[in-house]
Amino acid sequence: MSLTAEKKSPGLLESMAMGGSAALFAVNFTHPIELVKTRMQVSGQGIGQTCSAVMSSEGVGAFWKGIVFAYGREASYTSIKLGAYAPVRDALGAGKDAPFYLKFLAGAITGG
């Protein structure tokens, strides 16, 4: 009986679930940055002025306004983009020593 288990790569659905989970976790940190960026573009103010205006008029929770829609985007789009790449790459036979065009094709198919 061996103590080392055979390394099994995740399937398509498992890979998509892991990619989607990672994206949902990351959006909690990137969404406030996107909100400030968008408000800076609309107002024409700098980062300090925009952040203080959001804080004073709407409170700290305003930095996460609309995050439910960001979750929806990440759960659908990014889970496919991140999660499907490795299974598609493997299905195409685009491993380590494969030509660049196969890796490119795998990325193009999955939206990368």
C-alpha atoms as a PDB file:
ATOM      1  CA  MET A   1       0.000   0.000   0.000  1.00  0.00           C
ATOM      2  CA  SER A   2       1.482   3.280  -1.110  1.00  0.00           C
ATOM      3  CA  LEU A   3       1.255   6.421   0.989  1.00  0.00           C
ATOM      4  CA  THR A   4       1.279   8.678  -2.036  1.00  0.00           C
ATOM      5  CA  ALA A   5      -1.980   9.085  -3.873  1.00  0.00           C
ATOM      6  CA  GLU A   6      -2.142   9.400  -7.620  1.00  0.00           C
ATOM      7  CA  LYS A   7      -2.534  13.037  -8.621  1.00  0.00           C
ATOM      8  CA  LYS A   8      -5.943  13.470 -10.260  1.00  0.00           C
ATOM      9  CA  SER A   9      -6.675  16.651 -12.156  1.00  0.00           C
ATOM     10  CA  PRO A  10     -10.117  18.169 -11.612  1.00  0.00           C
ATOM     11  CA  GLY A  11     -12.809  17.747 -14.239  1.00  0.00           C
ATOM     12  CA  LEU A  12     -14.485  20.550 -16.132  1.00  0.00           C
ATOM     13  CA  LEU A  13     -17.210  21.270 -13.565  1.00  0.00           C
ATOM     14  CA  GLU A  14     -14.817  21.024 -10.616  1.00  0.00           C
ATOM     15  CA  SER A  15     -12.367  23.321 -12.337  1.00  0.00           C
ATOM     16  CA  MET A  16     -15.114  25.833 -13.155  1.00  0.00           C
ATOM     17  CA  ALA A  17     -16.349  25.751  -9.556  1.00  0.00           C
ATOM     18  CA  MET A  18     -12.849  26.419  -8.236  1.00  0.00           C
ATOM     19  CA  GLY A  19     -12.257  29.206 -10.772  1.00  0.00           C
ATOM     20  CA  GLY A  20     -15.605  30.775  -9.954  1.00  0.00           C
ATOM     21  CA  SER A  21     -14.952  30.579  -6.220  1.00  0.00           C
ATOM     22  CA  ALA A  22     -11.600  32.288  -6.639  1.00  0.00           C
ATOM     23  CA  ALA A  23     -13.189  35.016  -8.754  1.00  0.00           C
ATOM     24  CA  LEU A  24     -16.000  35.581  -6.231  1.00  0.00           C
ATOM     25  CA  PHE A  25     -13.438  35.917  -3.461  1.00  0.00           C
ATOM     26  CA  ALA A  26     -11.305  38.349  -5.467  1.00  0.00           C
ATOM     27  CA  VAL A  27     -14.211  40.594  -6.465  1.00  0.00           C
ATOM     28  CA  ASN A  28     -14.690  41.547  -2.806  1.00  0.00           C
ATOM     29  CA  PHE A  29     -11.358  43.371  -3.014  1.00  0.00           C
ATOM     30  CA  THR A  30     -11.460  44.671  -6.582  1.00  0.00           C
ATOM     31  CA  HIS A  31     -15.025  46.005  -6.593  1.00  0.00           C
ATOM     32  CA  PRO A  32     -14.296  49.044  -4.381  1.00  0.00           C
ATOM     33  CA  ILE A  33     -11.384  49.950  -6.680  1.00  0.00           C
ATOM     34  CA  GLU A  34     -13.632  49.691  -9.734  1.00  0.00           C
ATOM     35  CA  LEU A  35     -16.289  51.818  -8.037  1.00  0.00           C
ATOM     36  CA  VAL A  36     -13.776  54.575  -7.244  1.00  0.00           C
ATOM     37  CA  LYS A  37     -12.345  54.411 -10.783  1.00  0.00           C
ATOM     38  CA  THR A  38     -15.784  54.783 -12.344  1.00  0.00           C
ATOM     39  CA  ARG A  39     -16.751  57.651 -10.074  1.00  0.00           C
ATOM     40  CA  MET A  40     -13.450  59.387 -10.812  1.00  0.00           C
ATOM     41  CA  GLN A  41     -14.195  59.139 -14.530  1.00  0.00           C
ATOM     42  CA  VAL A  42     -17.670  60.594 -14.081  1.00  0.00           C
ATOM     43  CA  SER A  43     -16.747  63.382 -11.647  1.00  0.00           C
ATOM     44  CA  GLY A  44     -13.323  64.338 -12.999  1.00  0.00           C
ATOM     45  CA  GLN A  45     -11.953  64.481  -9.446  1.00  0.00           C
ATOM     46  CA  GLY A  46      -8.857  62.814  -8.060  1.00  0.00           C
ATOM     47  CA  ILE A  47      -8.728  59.624  -6.009  1.00  0.00           C
ATOM     48  CA  GLY A  48      -8.616  61.369  -2.637  1.00  0.00           C
ATOM     49  CA  GLN A  49     -11.521  63.670  -3.404  1.00  0.00           C
ATOM     50  CA  THR A  50     -13.590  60.823  -4.824  1.00  0.00           C
ATOM     51  CA  CYS A  51     -12.975  58.513  -1.862  1.00  0.00           C
ATOM     52  CA  SER A  52     -13.768  61.206   0.690  1.00  0.00           C
ATOM     53  CA  ALA A  53     -16.918  62.236  -1.208  1.00  0.00           C
ATOM     54  CA  VAL A  54     -18.162  58.638  -1.268  1.00  0.00           C
ATOM     55  CA  MET A  55     -17.345  58.159   2.430  1.00  0.00           C
ATOM     56  CA  SER A  56     -18.929  61.410   3.600  1.00  0.00           C
ATOM     57  CA  SER A  57     -22.093  61.257   1.512  1.00  0.00           C
ATOM     58  CA  GLU A  58     -22.800  57.499   1.400  1.00  0.00           C
ATOM     59  CA  GLY A  59     -20.702  55.795   4.056  1.00  0.00           C
ATOM     60  CA  VAL A  60     -18.209  52.951   3.845  1.00  0.00           C
ATOM     61  CA  GLY A  61     -20.796  50.474   2.565  1.00  0.00           C
ATOM     62  CA  ALA A  62     -21.081  52.476  -0.657  1.00  0.00           C
ATOM     63  CA  PHE A  63     -17.774  51.039  -1.852  1.00  0.00           C
ATOM     64  CA  TRP A  64     -19.566  47.706  -2.267  1.00  0.00           C
ATOM     65  CA  LYS A  65     -22.704  49.077  -3.946  1.00  0.00           C
ATOM     66  CA  GLY A  66     -23.692  46.847  -6.834  1.00  0.00           C
ATOM     67  CA  ILE A  67     -21.464  43.962  -5.766  1.00  0.00           C
ATOM     68  CA  VAL A  68     -24.292  41.496  -6.365  1.00  0.00           C
ATOM     69  CA  PHE A  69     -24.039  42.234 -10.082  1.00  0.00           C
ATOM     70  CA  ALA A  70     -20.267  41.822  -9.945  1.00  0.00           C
ATOM     71  CA  TYR A  71     -20.819  38.420  -8.306  1.00  0.00           C
ATOM     72  CA  GLY A  72     -23.134  37.483 -11.164  1.00  0.00           C
ATOM     73  CA  ARG A  73     -20.546  38.439 -13.752  1.00  0.00           C
ATOM     74  CA  GLU A  74     -17.737  36.589 -12.026  1.00  0.00           C
ATOM     75  CA  ALA A  75     -19.864  33.505 -11.348  1.00  0.00           C
ATOM     76  CA  SER A  76     -20.834  33.209 -14.988  1.00  0.00           C
ATOM     77  CA  TYR A  77     -18.060  34.666 -17.130  1.00  0.00           C
ATOM     78  CA  THR A  78     -14.911  34.214 -15.072  1.00  0.00           C
ATOM     79  CA  SER A  79     -15.775  30.726 -13.839  1.00  0.00           C
ATOM     80  CA  ILE A  80     -15.905  29.603 -17.470  1.00  0.00           C
ATOM     81  CA  LYS A  81     -12.839  31.591 -18.487  1.00  0.00           C
ATOM     82  CA  LEU A  82     -10.658  30.361 -15.619  1.00  0.00           C
ATOM     83  CA  GLY A  83     -12.189  26.980 -15.011  1.00  0.00           C
ATOM     84  CA  ALA A  84     -12.488  25.679 -18.538  1.00  0.00           C
ATOM     85  CA  TYR A  85      -8.972  26.541 -19.700  1.00  0.00           C
ATOM     86  CA  ALA A  86      -7.095  23.549 -18.243  1.00  0.00           C
ATOM     87  CA  PRO A  87      -9.645  20.908 -19.322  1.00  0.00           C
ATOM     88  CA  VAL A  88      -9.868  22.412 -22.830  1.00  0.00           C
ATOM     89  CA  ARG A  89      -6.070  22.680 -23.034  1.00  0.00           C
ATOM     90  CA  ASP A  90      -5.744  19.045 -22.026  1.00  0.00           C
ATOM     91  CA  ALA A  91      -8.449  17.963 -24.489  1.00  0.00           C
ATOM     92  CA  LEU A  92      -6.568  19.714 -27.302  1.00  0.00           C
ATOM     93  CA  GLY A  93      -3.301  18.110 -26.229  1.00  0.00           C
ATOM     94  CA  ALA A  94      -1.678  21.462 -25.552  1.00  0.00           C
ATOM     95  CA  GLY A  95       0.588  20.376 -22.691  1.00  0.00           C
ATOM     96  CA  LYS A  96       3.975  21.798 -21.701  1.00  0.00           C
ATOM     97  CA  ASP A  97       5.785  20.983 -24.923  1.00  0.00           C
ATOM     98  CA  ALA A  98       2.891  21.696 -27.277  1.00  0.00           C
ATOM     99  CA  PRO A  99       3.178  24.378 -29.939  1.00  0.00           C
ATOM    100  CA  PHE A 100       2.056  27.882 -29.076  1.00  0.00           C
ATOM    101  CA  TYR A 101      -0.915  27.845 -31.449  1.00  0.00           C
ATOM    102  CA  LEU A 102      -2.568  24.995 -29.480  1.00  0.00           C
ATOM    103  CA  LYS A 103      -2.233  26.907 -26.219  1.00  0.00           C
ATOM    104  CA  PHE A 104      -3.519  30.023 -27.947  1.00  0.00           C
ATOM    105  CA  LEU A 105      -6.488  28.075 -29.310  1.00  0.00           C
ATOM    106  CA  ALA A 106      -7.322  26.744 -25.838  1.00  0.00           C
ATOM    107  CA  GLY A 107      -7.279  30.291 -24.470  1.00  0.00           C
ATOM    108  CA  ALA A 108      -9.369  31.600 -27.343  1.00  0.00           C
ATOM    109  CA  ILE A 109     -11.994  28.894 -26.886  1.00  0.00           C
ATOM    110  CA  THR A 110     -12.381  29.652 -23.177  1.00  0.00           C
ATOM    111  CA  GLY A 111     -12.481  33.421 -23.569  1.00  0.00           C
ATOM    112  CA  GLY A 112      -8.954  34.246 -22.423  1.00  0.00           C
END
